[in-house]
Amino acid sequence: MTMQTTVEGGLLSRIDNAVAAIRQKTSIKPKAGVILGTGLGQLVNKIKGGVKIAYGEIPHFPRTTVESHAGRLHIGDLSGRPVAMMEGRFHYYEGYSLEEVTFPVRVMKALGAGILIISNAAGGLSVKEYRKGDLVLIKDHINFMGVNPLIGPNDNRLGIRFPDMIEPYSERLRKVAHKAADKLKMKLHEGVYIGVTGPCLETRAEYRFMRSSGADLVGMSTVPEVIVGVHAQLEILGISVVTDLCDPDNLKPVDIEEIIRTANEAGPRLNDLVEETIRLL
């Protein structure tokens, strides 16, 4: 594919094709898009009405290869609001391009979403403050992936060439989430998320570097989707579940099954927080 083709017909045409396929199954126009991370898929059970569509039925959607990601798009009602919810996401480490990783964000925007809520499982770098299972609102991020989903020709119909990143995570939405947490009597932190490519976990030296750079959380997702969400002029809320503690002075081998188990255990609290936040919007 040439660069000229990418701008003139490629991405926008693929978005239109995906939206058309979804519209054949539902006329619901979501107000918010939700991306569920590792071990956090239970929230789809709270959606009322609507439809669930396997990613394989949506043109140009990648196929998730991560075992804990089901690979379905749910469109229906949550807390009295129409939503589009991804049960599983895509990662750069799976071998997809960042355009493919972030394609669903473009589609949710085209379906009508003005808000994007992203959850993930993350390692806790602020080991003196965080405990396993804690929920953390992302207030900012550091892109340590070495790539950017906006590299290449820009289509002005999708967003401006140089989007400003002064507030990628909406202060308004964070205030709403804190209000929801207070109502639920739930502890809620805020922190800076650093995104890496994975799939290997980090070294002791890397954890030290990340902590010294001001990061509180580390994970292998979210940053590309947020950059594209800002480009698409979406208002974004990011929530991490701390699934392991990244203390370079007391580091232990990471058990992925334990990470998923911790995320699953925190899932009900995350579900309540997202539900109440959407209800308060």
C-alpha atoms as a PDB file:
ATOM      1  CA  MET A   1       0.000   0.000   0.000  1.00  0.00           C
ATOM      2  CA  THR A   2       1.388   3.398  -0.953  1.00  0.00           C
ATOM      3  CA  MET A   3       1.401   6.370   1.355  1.00  0.00           C
ATOM      4  CA  GLN A   4      -0.960   8.214  -1.009  1.00  0.00           C
ATOM      5  CA  THR A   5      -3.452   5.335  -0.944  1.00  0.00           C
ATOM      6  CA  THR A   6      -3.336   5.301   2.863  1.00  0.00           C
ATOM      7  CA  VAL A   7      -4.466   8.933   3.019  1.00  0.00           C
ATOM      8  CA  GLU A   8      -7.003   8.975   0.216  1.00  0.00           C
ATOM      9  CA  GLY A   9      -8.901   5.781   0.755  1.00  0.00           C
ATOM     10  CA  GLY A  10      -7.265   3.319   3.091  1.00  0.00           C
ATOM     11  CA  LEU A  11      -8.017   3.988   6.745  1.00  0.00           C
ATOM     12  CA  LEU A  12     -11.199   6.020   6.303  1.00  0.00           C
ATOM     13  CA  SER A  13     -12.585   3.445   3.895  1.00  0.00           C
ATOM     14  CA  ARG A  14     -11.843   0.618   6.331  1.00  0.00           C
ATOM     15  CA  ILE A  15     -13.539   2.532   9.147  1.00  0.00           C
ATOM     16  CA  ASP A  16     -16.620   3.043   6.963  1.00  0.00           C
ATOM     17  CA  ASN A  17     -16.706  -0.670   6.098  1.00  0.00           C
ATOM     18  CA  ALA A  18     -16.509  -1.681   9.756  1.00  0.00           C
ATOM     19  CA  VAL A  19     -19.220   0.778  10.780  1.00  0.00           C
ATOM     20  CA  ALA A  20     -21.491  -0.404   7.963  1.00  0.00           C
ATOM     21  CA  ALA A  21     -21.141  -4.022   9.114  1.00  0.00           C
ATOM     22  CA  ILE A  22     -21.953  -3.076  12.709  1.00  0.00           C
ATOM     23  CA  ARG A  23     -24.930  -0.998  11.597  1.00  0.00           C
ATOM     24  CA  GLN A  24     -26.387  -4.095   9.938  1.00  0.00           C
ATOM     25  CA  LYS A  25     -26.652  -5.621  13.421  1.00  0.00           C
ATOM     26  CA  THR A  26     -27.695  -2.626  15.533  1.00  0.00           C
ATOM     27  CA  SER A  27     -28.827   0.981  15.161  1.00  0.00           C
ATOM     28  CA  ILE A  28     -27.650   1.920  18.672  1.00  0.00           C
ATOM     29  CA  LYS A  29     -25.360   4.956  18.663  1.00  0.00           C
ATOM     30  CA  PRO A  30     -22.983   4.654  21.625  1.00  0.00           C
ATOM     31  CA  LYS A  31     -22.160   7.747  23.648  1.00  0.00           C
ATOM     32  CA  ALA A  32     -19.085   6.095  25.151  1.00  0.00           C
ATOM     33  CA  GLY A  33     -16.595   3.489  24.051  1.00  0.00           C
ATOM     34  CA  VAL A  34     -15.052   1.175  26.652  1.00  0.00           C
ATOM     35  CA  ILE A  35     -11.917  -0.966  26.253  1.00  0.00           C
ATOM     36  CA  LEU A  36     -11.540  -3.778  28.791  1.00  0.00           C
ATOM     37  CA  GLY A  37      -8.043  -4.984  29.612  1.00  0.00           C
ATOM     38  CA  THR A  38      -6.514  -8.245  30.814  1.00  0.00           C
ATOM     39  CA  GLY A  39      -8.797 -10.111  33.208  1.00  0.00           C
ATOM     40  CA  LEU A  40     -11.346  -7.301  33.219  1.00  0.00           C
ATOM     41  CA  GLY A  41     -13.997  -8.617  30.849  1.00  0.00           C
ATOM     42  CA  GLN A  42     -16.763  -9.148  33.416  1.00  0.00           C
ATOM     43  CA  LEU A  43     -18.271  -5.700  32.846  1.00  0.00           C
ATOM     44  CA  VAL A  44     -19.863  -6.891  29.599  1.00  0.00           C
ATOM     45  CA  ASN A  45     -22.275  -8.912  31.729  1.00  0.00           C
ATOM     46  CA  LYS A  46     -23.794  -5.647  32.972  1.00  0.00           C
ATOM     47  CA  ILE A  47     -24.797  -4.485  29.486  1.00  0.00           C
ATOM     48  CA  LYS A  48     -28.535  -4.656  28.838  1.00  0.00           C
ATOM     49  CA  GLY A  49     -30.081  -5.260  25.454  1.00  0.00           C
ATOM     50  CA  GLY A  50     -28.115  -4.608  22.314  1.00  0.00           C
ATOM     51  CA  VAL A  51     -25.832  -7.036  20.509  1.00  0.00           C
ATOM     52  CA  LYS A  52     -22.471  -8.728  20.812  1.00  0.00           C
ATOM     53  CA  ILE A  53     -20.366  -9.085  17.691  1.00  0.00           C
ATOM     54  CA  ALA A  54     -17.286 -11.275  17.339  1.00  0.00           C
ATOM     55  CA  TYR A  55     -14.309  -9.301  16.075  1.00  0.00           C
ATOM     56  CA  GLY A  56     -14.080 -11.749  13.186  1.00  0.00           C
ATOM     57  CA  GLU A  57     -17.467 -10.479  11.939  1.00  0.00           C
ATOM     58  CA  ILE A  58     -16.260  -6.875  11.724  1.00  0.00           C
ATOM     59  CA  PRO A  59     -14.288  -6.011   8.577  1.00  0.00           C
ATOM     60  CA  HIS A  60     -10.644  -5.067   9.216  1.00  0.00           C
ATOM     61  CA  PHE A  61     -10.782  -5.801  12.972  1.00  0.00           C
ATOM     62  CA  PRO A  62      -7.713  -7.764  14.076  1.00  0.00           C
ATOM     63  CA  ARG A  63      -8.120 -11.066  15.937  1.00  0.00           C
ATOM     64  CA  THR A  64      -7.052 -11.063  19.554  1.00  0.00           C
ATOM     65  CA  THR A  65      -4.371 -13.656  20.315  1.00  0.00           C
ATOM     66  CA  VAL A  66      -4.215 -13.156  24.095  1.00  0.00           C
ATOM     67  CA  GLU A  67      -5.945 -15.967  25.977  1.00  0.00           C
ATOM     68  CA  SER A  68      -7.677 -13.711  28.518  1.00  0.00           C
ATOM     69  CA  HIS A  69      -9.191 -11.465  25.814  1.00  0.00           C
ATOM     70  CA  ALA A  70     -12.473 -12.857  24.457  1.00  0.00           C
ATOM     71  CA  GLY A  71     -12.627 -10.808  21.256  1.00  0.00           C
ATOM     72  CA  ARG A  72     -16.171  -9.433  21.097  1.00  0.00           C
ATOM     73  CA  LEU A  73     -17.712  -5.981  20.672  1.00  0.00           C
ATOM     74  CA  HIS A  74     -20.789  -5.396  22.828  1.00  0.00           C
ATOM     75  CA  ILE A  75     -23.168  -2.545  22.029  1.00  0.00           C
ATOM     76  CA  GLY A  76     -26.027  -1.872  24.408  1.00  0.00           C
ATOM     77  CA  ASP A  77     -27.088  -0.044  27.564  1.00  0.00           C
ATOM     78  CA  LEU A  78     -24.924   0.457  30.664  1.00  0.00           C
ATOM     79  CA  SER A  79     -26.153   2.653  33.524  1.00  0.00           C
ATOM     80  CA  GLY A  80     -28.796   4.144  31.256  1.00  0.00           C
ATOM     81  CA  ARG A  81     -26.283   5.140  28.578  1.00  0.00           C
ATOM     82  CA  PRO A  82     -25.618   3.515  25.200  1.00  0.00           C
ATOM     83  CA  VAL A  83     -22.077   2.149  25.053  1.00  0.00           C
ATOM     84  CA  ALA A  84     -19.771   0.177  22.763  1.00  0.00           C
ATOM     85  CA  MET A  85     -17.574  -2.127  24.844  1.00  0.00           C
ATOM     86  CA  MET A  86     -14.557  -4.102  23.681  1.00  0.00           C
ATOM     87  CA  GLU A  87     -14.174  -7.428  25.463  1.00  0.00           C
ATOM     88  CA  GLY A  88     -10.473  -7.711  24.761  1.00  0.00           C
ATOM     89  CA  ARG A  89      -8.000  -5.424  23.021  1.00  0.00           C
ATOM     90  CA  PHE A  90      -5.017  -5.705  20.687  1.00  0.00           C
ATOM     91  CA  HIS A  91      -1.352  -5.172  21.491  1.00  0.00           C
ATOM     92  CA  TYR A  92       1.698  -4.141  19.528  1.00  0.00           C
ATOM     93  CA  TYR A  93       3.531  -7.221  20.819  1.00  0.00           C
ATOM     94  CA  GLU A  94       1.016  -9.469  19.047  1.00  0.00           C
ATOM     95  CA  GLY A  95       2.586  -8.340  15.788  1.00  0.00           C
ATOM     96  CA  TYR A  96      -0.066  -5.832  14.760  1.00  0.00           C
ATOM     97  CA  SER A  97       0.737  -2.361  13.494  1.00  0.00           C
ATOM     98  CA  LEU A  98      -0.360   0.494  15.733  1.00  0.00           C
ATOM     99  CA  GLU A  99      -2.905   1.445  13.081  1.00  0.00           C
ATOM    100  CA  GLU A 100      -4.457  -2.000  13.582  1.00  0.00           C
ATOM    101  CA  VAL A 101      -4.162  -1.814  17.380  1.00  0.00           C
ATOM    102  CA  THR A 102      -6.029   1.497  17.456  1.00  0.00           C
ATOM    103  CA  PHE A 103      -8.507   0.799  14.642  1.00  0.00           C
ATOM    104  CA  PRO A 104     -11.386   0.021  17.070  1.00  0.00           C
ATOM    105  CA  VAL A 105     -10.999   3.472  18.641  1.00  0.00           C
ATOM    106  CA  ARG A 106     -11.589   5.012  15.218  1.00  0.00           C
ATOM    107  CA  VAL A 107     -14.622   2.787  14.711  1.00  0.00           C
ATOM    108  CA  MET A 108     -16.179   3.647  18.096  1.00  0.00           C
ATOM    109  CA  LYS A 109     -15.710   7.323  17.307  1.00  0.00           C
ATOM    110  CA  ALA A 110     -17.399   6.852  13.935  1.00  0.00           C
ATOM    111  CA  LEU A 111     -20.280   5.000  15.625  1.00  0.00           C
ATOM    112  CA  GLY A 112     -20.964   8.129  17.686  1.00  0.00           C
ATOM    113  CA  ALA A 113     -18.859   7.849  20.852  1.00  0.00           C
ATOM    114  CA  GLY A 114     -17.586  11.102  22.346  1.00  0.00           C
ATOM    115  CA  ILE A 115     -16.004   9.493  25.423  1.00  0.00           C
ATOM    116  CA  LEU A 116     -13.453   6.696  25.646  1.00  0.00           C
ATOM    117  CA  ILE A 117     -12.936   4.717  28.867  1.00  0.00           C
ATOM    118  CA  ILE A 118      -9.855   2.478  28.892  1.00  0.00           C
ATOM    119  CA  SER A 119      -8.941  -0.084  31.543  1.00  0.00           C
ATOM    120  CA  ASN A 120      -5.793  -2.141  31.863  1.00  0.00           C
ATOM    121  CA  ALA A 121      -3.831  -4.410  34.165  1.00  0.00           C
ATOM    122  CA  ALA A 122      -0.582  -2.702  35.156  1.00  0.00           C
ATOM    123  CA  GLY A 123       2.487  -3.185  37.277  1.00  0.00           C
ATOM    124  CA  GLY A 124       2.752  -0.859  40.255  1.00  0.00           C
ATOM    125  CA  LEU A 125       5.982   1.152  40.372  1.00  0.00           C
ATOM    126  CA  SER A 126       4.906   3.220  43.389  1.00  0.00           C
ATOM    127  CA  VAL A 127       5.352   0.257  45.718  1.00  0.00           C
ATOM    128  CA  LYS A 128       5.098   2.328  48.908  1.00  0.00           C
ATOM    129  CA  GLU A 129       1.684   3.650  47.871  1.00  0.00           C
ATOM    130  CA  TYR A 130       0.051   0.842  45.901  1.00  0.00           C
ATOM    131  CA  ARG A 131      -1.111  -2.634  46.799  1.00  0.00           C
ATOM    132  CA  LYS A 132      -2.185  -5.458  44.518  1.00  0.00           C
ATOM    133  CA  GLY A 133      -5.742  -4.918  43.375  1.00  0.00           C
ATOM    134  CA  ASP A 134      -5.695  -1.129  43.816  1.00  0.00           C
ATOM    135  CA  LEU A 135      -7.487   1.018  41.227  1.00  0.00           C
ATOM    136  CA  VAL A 136      -5.560   3.957  39.788  1.00  0.00           C
ATOM    137  CA  LEU A 137      -6.858   6.718  37.548  1.00  0.00           C
ATOM    138  CA  ILE A 138      -4.284   7.570  34.891  1.00  0.00           C
ATOM    139  CA  LYS A 139      -3.580  11.293  34.990  1.00  0.00           C
ATOM    140  CA  ASP A 140      -0.823  11.289  32.363  1.00  0.00           C
ATOM    141  CA  HIS A 141       1.414   8.897  30.470  1.00  0.00           C
ATOM    142  CA  ILE A 142       4.918   8.398  29.138  1.00  0.00           C
ATOM    143  CA  ASN A 143       5.226   6.773  25.720  1.00  0.00           C
ATOM    144  CA  PHE A 144       8.198   4.432  26.116  1.00  0.00           C
ATOM    145  CA  MET A 145       7.205   2.249  23.162  1.00  0.00           C
ATOM    146  CA  GLY A 146       9.477   3.985  20.682  1.00  0.00           C
ATOM    147  CA  VAL A 147       6.628   4.230  18.170  1.00  0.00           C
ATOM    148  CA  ASN A 148       3.571   6.417  17.627  1.00  0.00           C
ATOM    149  CA  PRO A 149       0.280   5.459  15.925  1.00  0.00           C
ATOM    150  CA  LEU A 150       0.109   8.826  14.139  1.00  0.00           C
ATOM    151  CA  ILE A 151       3.360   8.353  12.214  1.00  0.00           C
ATOM    152  CA  GLY A 152       2.717   8.508   8.478  1.00  0.00           C
ATOM    153  CA  PRO A 153       0.425  10.595   6.284  1.00  0.00           C
ATOM    154  CA  ASN A 154      -2.328  12.403   8.182  1.00  0.00           C
ATOM    155  CA  ASP A 155      -5.956  12.411   7.073  1.00  0.00           C
ATOM    156  CA  ASN A 156      -7.429  15.715   8.262  1.00  0.00           C
ATOM    157  CA  ARG A 157     -10.898  14.159   8.199  1.00  0.00           C
ATOM    158  CA  LEU A 158      -9.822  11.993  11.148  1.00  0.00           C
ATOM    159  CA  GLY A 159      -7.835  14.570  13.128  1.00  0.00           C
ATOM    160  CA  ILE A 160      -5.236  17.299  12.912  1.00  0.00           C
ATOM    161  CA  ARG A 161      -1.598  16.632  12.056  1.00  0.00           C
ATOM    162  CA  PHE A 162      -0.172  17.745  15.422  1.00  0.00           C
ATOM    163  CA  PRO A 163      -2.680  17.012  18.226  1.00  0.00           C
ATOM    164  CA  ASP A 164      -1.889  18.647  21.552  1.00  0.00           C
ATOM    165  CA  MET A 165      -1.276  16.233  24.428  1.00  0.00           C
ATOM    166  CA  ILE A 166      -1.499  18.692  27.324  1.00  0.00           C
ATOM    167  CA  GLU A 167      -4.477  16.798  28.805  1.00  0.00           C
ATOM    168  CA  PRO A 168      -4.826  13.343  27.230  1.00  0.00           C
ATOM    169  CA  TYR A 169      -6.777  12.095  30.267  1.00  0.00           C
ATOM    170  CA  SER A 170      -9.753  14.340  30.946  1.00  0.00           C
ATOM    171  CA  GLU A 171      -9.657  16.205  34.236  1.00  0.00           C
ATOM    172  CA  ARG A 172     -13.449  16.469  34.089  1.00  0.00           C
ATOM    173  CA  LEU A 173     -13.861  12.711  33.777  1.00  0.00           C
ATOM    174  CA  ARG A 174     -11.369  12.090  36.587  1.00  0.00           C
ATOM    175  CA  LYS A 175     -13.418  14.343  38.853  1.00  0.00           C
ATOM    176  CA  VAL A 176     -16.547  12.389  37.932  1.00  0.00           C
ATOM    177  CA  ALA A 177     -14.734   9.105  38.654  1.00  0.00           C
ATOM    178  CA  HIS A 178     -13.600  10.391  42.066  1.00  0.00           C
ATOM    179  CA  LYS A 179     -17.184  11.393  42.831  1.00  0.00           C
ATOM    180  CA  ALA A 180     -18.286   7.885  41.845  1.00  0.00           C
ATOM    181  CA  ALA A 181     -15.583   6.343  44.049  1.00  0.00           C
ATOM    182  CA  ASP A 182     -16.639   8.480  47.005  1.00  0.00           C
ATOM    183  CA  LYS A 183     -20.230   7.383  46.543  1.00  0.00           C
ATOM    184  CA  LEU A 184     -19.087   3.761  46.484  1.00  0.00           C
ATOM    185  CA  LYS A 185     -16.740   4.332  49.466  1.00  0.00           C
ATOM    186  CA  MET A 186     -13.906   3.098  47.279  1.00  0.00           C
ATOM    187  CA  LYS A 187     -10.211   4.018  47.474  1.00  0.00           C
ATOM    188  CA  LEU A 188      -8.956   5.479  44.212  1.00  0.00           C
ATOM    189  CA  HIS A 189      -5.417   6.611  43.401  1.00  0.00           C
ATOM    190  CA  GLU A 190      -4.069   8.739  40.554  1.00  0.00           C
ATOM    191  CA  GLY A 191      -0.805   8.067  38.769  1.00  0.00           C
ATOM    192  CA  VAL A 192       1.348   8.329  35.646  1.00  0.00           C
ATOM    193  CA  TYR A 193       1.350   5.317  33.324  1.00  0.00           C
ATOM    194  CA  ILE A 194       4.370   4.376  31.227  1.00  0.00           C
ATOM    195  CA  GLY A 195       3.658   2.311  28.130  1.00  0.00           C
ATOM    196  CA  VAL A 196       6.120  -0.308  26.835  1.00  0.00           C
ATOM    197  CA  THR A 197       5.890  -2.738  23.944  1.00  0.00           C
ATOM    198  CA  GLY A 198       6.369  -6.021  25.830  1.00  0.00           C
ATOM    199  CA  PRO A 199       5.898  -8.916  25.764  1.00  0.00           C
ATOM    200  CA  CYS A 200       8.829  -9.511  28.119  1.00  0.00           C
ATOM    201  CA  LEU A 201       8.617  -8.058  31.596  1.00  0.00           C
ATOM    202  CA  GLU A 202      11.047  -5.343  32.614  1.00  0.00           C
ATOM    203  CA  THR A 203      14.495  -5.651  34.171  1.00  0.00           C
ATOM    204  CA  ARG A 204      15.421  -4.272  37.582  1.00  0.00           C
ATOM    205  CA  ALA A 205      17.346  -1.466  35.891  1.00  0.00           C
ATOM    206  CA  GLU A 206      14.353  -0.599  33.723  1.00  0.00           C
ATOM    207  CA  TYR A 207      12.065  -0.437  36.747  1.00  0.00           C
ATOM    208  CA  ARG A 208      14.514   1.914  38.458  1.00  0.00           C
ATOM    209  CA  PHE A 209      14.683   4.088  35.345  1.00  0.00           C
ATOM    210  CA  MET A 210      10.890   4.200  35.045  1.00  0.00           C
ATOM    211  CA  ARG A 211      10.441   5.170  38.675  1.00  0.00           C
ATOM    212  CA  SER A 212      13.064   7.913  38.347  1.00  0.00           C
ATOM    213  CA  SER A 213      11.248   9.238  35.260  1.00  0.00           C
ATOM    214  CA  GLY A 214       8.098   9.849  37.289  1.00  0.00           C
ATOM    215  CA  ALA A 215       6.061   6.787  36.327  1.00  0.00           C
ATOM    216  CA  ASP A 216       3.749   5.107  38.848  1.00  0.00           C
ATOM    217  CA  LEU A 217       2.450   2.304  36.625  1.00  0.00           C
ATOM    218  CA  VAL A 218       3.795   0.264  33.720  1.00  0.00           C
ATOM    219  CA  GLY A 219       1.927  -1.689  31.075  1.00  0.00           C
ATOM    220  CA  MET A 220       1.909  -2.890  27.476  1.00  0.00           C
ATOM    221  CA  SER A 221      -1.191  -1.121  26.137  1.00  0.00           C
ATOM    222  CA  THR A 222      -3.343   2.009  26.455  1.00  0.00           C
ATOM    223  CA  VAL A 223      -0.868   4.643  25.211  1.00  0.00           C
ATOM    224  CA  PRO A 224      -1.504   4.020  21.475  1.00  0.00           C
ATOM    225  CA  GLU A 225      -5.292   4.008  21.958  1.00  0.00           C
ATOM    226  CA  VAL A 226      -5.127   7.223  23.970  1.00  0.00           C
ATOM    227  CA  ILE A 227      -2.984   9.006  21.369  1.00  0.00           C
ATOM    228  CA  VAL A 228      -5.459   8.049  18.645  1.00  0.00           C
ATOM    229  CA  GLY A 229      -8.351   8.984  20.940  1.00  0.00           C
ATOM    230  CA  VAL A 230      -6.882  12.463  21.393  1.00  0.00           C
ATOM    231  CA  HIS A 231      -6.361  12.696  17.623  1.00  0.00           C
ATOM    232  CA  ALA A 232     -10.047  11.778  17.190  1.00  0.00           C
ATOM    233  CA  GLN A 233     -11.074  14.415  19.789  1.00  0.00           C
ATOM    234  CA  LEU A 234     -12.440  11.919  22.283  1.00  0.00           C
ATOM    235  CA  GLU A 235     -12.635  12.708  25.999  1.00  0.00           C
ATOM    236  CA  ILE A 236     -10.672   9.970  27.756  1.00  0.00           C
ATOM    237  CA  LEU A 237     -10.686   8.263  31.143  1.00  0.00           C
ATOM    238  CA  GLY A 238      -7.992   5.690  31.917  1.00  0.00           C
ATOM    239  CA  ILE A 239      -8.128   3.224  34.834  1.00  0.00           C
ATOM    240  CA  SER A 240      -5.427   0.735  35.823  1.00  0.00           C
ATOM    241  CA  VAL A 241      -5.716  -2.247  38.119  1.00  0.00           C
ATOM    242  CA  VAL A 242      -2.422  -2.849  39.948  1.00  0.00           C
ATOM    243  CA  THR A 243      -1.776  -6.553  39.442  1.00  0.00           C
ATOM    244  CA  ASP A 244       1.839  -6.825  40.639  1.00  0.00           C
ATOM    245  CA  LEU A 245       4.413  -4.692  42.423  1.00  0.00           C
ATOM    246  CA  CYS A 246       7.545  -3.741  40.510  1.00  0.00           C
ATOM    247  CA  ASP A 247      10.058  -3.229  43.298  1.00  0.00           C
ATOM    248  CA  PRO A 248      13.573  -3.628  41.838  1.00  0.00           C
ATOM    249  CA  ASP A 249      15.025  -4.198  45.319  1.00  0.00           C
ATOM    250  CA  ASN A 250      12.594  -7.012  46.130  1.00  0.00           C
ATOM    251  CA  LEU A 251      11.785  -8.365  42.703  1.00  0.00           C
ATOM    252  CA  LYS A 252      10.197 -11.768  42.242  1.00  0.00           C
ATOM    253  CA  PRO A 253       9.369 -13.670  39.042  1.00  0.00           C
ATOM    254  CA  VAL A 254       5.965 -12.668  37.686  1.00  0.00           C
ATOM    255  CA  ASP A 255       3.308 -15.340  37.367  1.00  0.00           C
ATOM    256  CA  ILE A 256       0.953 -14.321  34.537  1.00  0.00           C
ATOM    257  CA  GLU A 257      -1.797 -16.504  35.972  1.00  0.00           C
ATOM    258  CA  GLU A 258      -1.527 -14.601  39.242  1.00  0.00           C
ATOM    259  CA  ILE A 259      -1.744 -11.292  37.364  1.00  0.00           C
ATOM    260  CA  ILE A 260      -4.941 -12.421  35.662  1.00  0.00           C
ATOM    261  CA  ARG A 261      -6.314 -13.716  38.970  1.00  0.00           C
ATOM    262  CA  THR A 262      -5.604 -10.364  40.677  1.00  0.00           C
ATOM    263  CA  ALA A 263      -7.307  -8.510  37.825  1.00  0.00           C
ATOM    264  CA  ASN A 264     -10.314 -10.813  38.067  1.00  0.00           C
ATOM    265  CA  GLU A 265     -10.564 -10.228  41.817  1.00  0.00           C
ATOM    266  CA  ALA A 266     -10.454  -6.452  41.303  1.00  0.00           C
ATOM    267  CA  GLY A 267     -12.937  -6.688  38.437  1.00  0.00           C
ATOM    268  CA  PRO A 268     -16.142  -6.220  40.473  1.00  0.00           C
ATOM    269  CA  ARG A 269     -14.824  -2.979  41.998  1.00  0.00           C
ATOM    270  CA  LEU A 270     -13.735  -1.716  38.584  1.00  0.00           C
ATOM    271  CA  ASN A 271     -17.154  -2.630  37.189  1.00  0.00           C
ATOM    272  CA  ASP A 272     -18.896  -0.682  39.947  1.00  0.00           C
ATOM    273  CA  LEU A 273     -16.635   2.317  39.374  1.00  0.00           C
ATOM    274  CA  VAL A 274     -17.195   2.404  35.606  1.00  0.00           C
ATOM    275  CA  GLU A 275     -20.935   1.866  36.004  1.00  0.00           C
ATOM    276  CA  GLU A 276     -21.282   4.659  38.536  1.00  0.00           C
ATOM    277  CA  THR A 277     -19.029   6.998  36.554  1.00  0.00           C
ATOM    278  CA  ILE A 278     -21.146   6.495  33.418  1.00  0.00           C
ATOM    279  CA  ARG A 279     -24.301   6.991  35.490  1.00  0.00           C
ATOM    280  CA  LEU A 280     -22.955  10.349  36.722  1.00  0.00           C
ATOM    281  CA  LEU A 281     -21.979  11.645  33.287  1.00  0.00           C
END
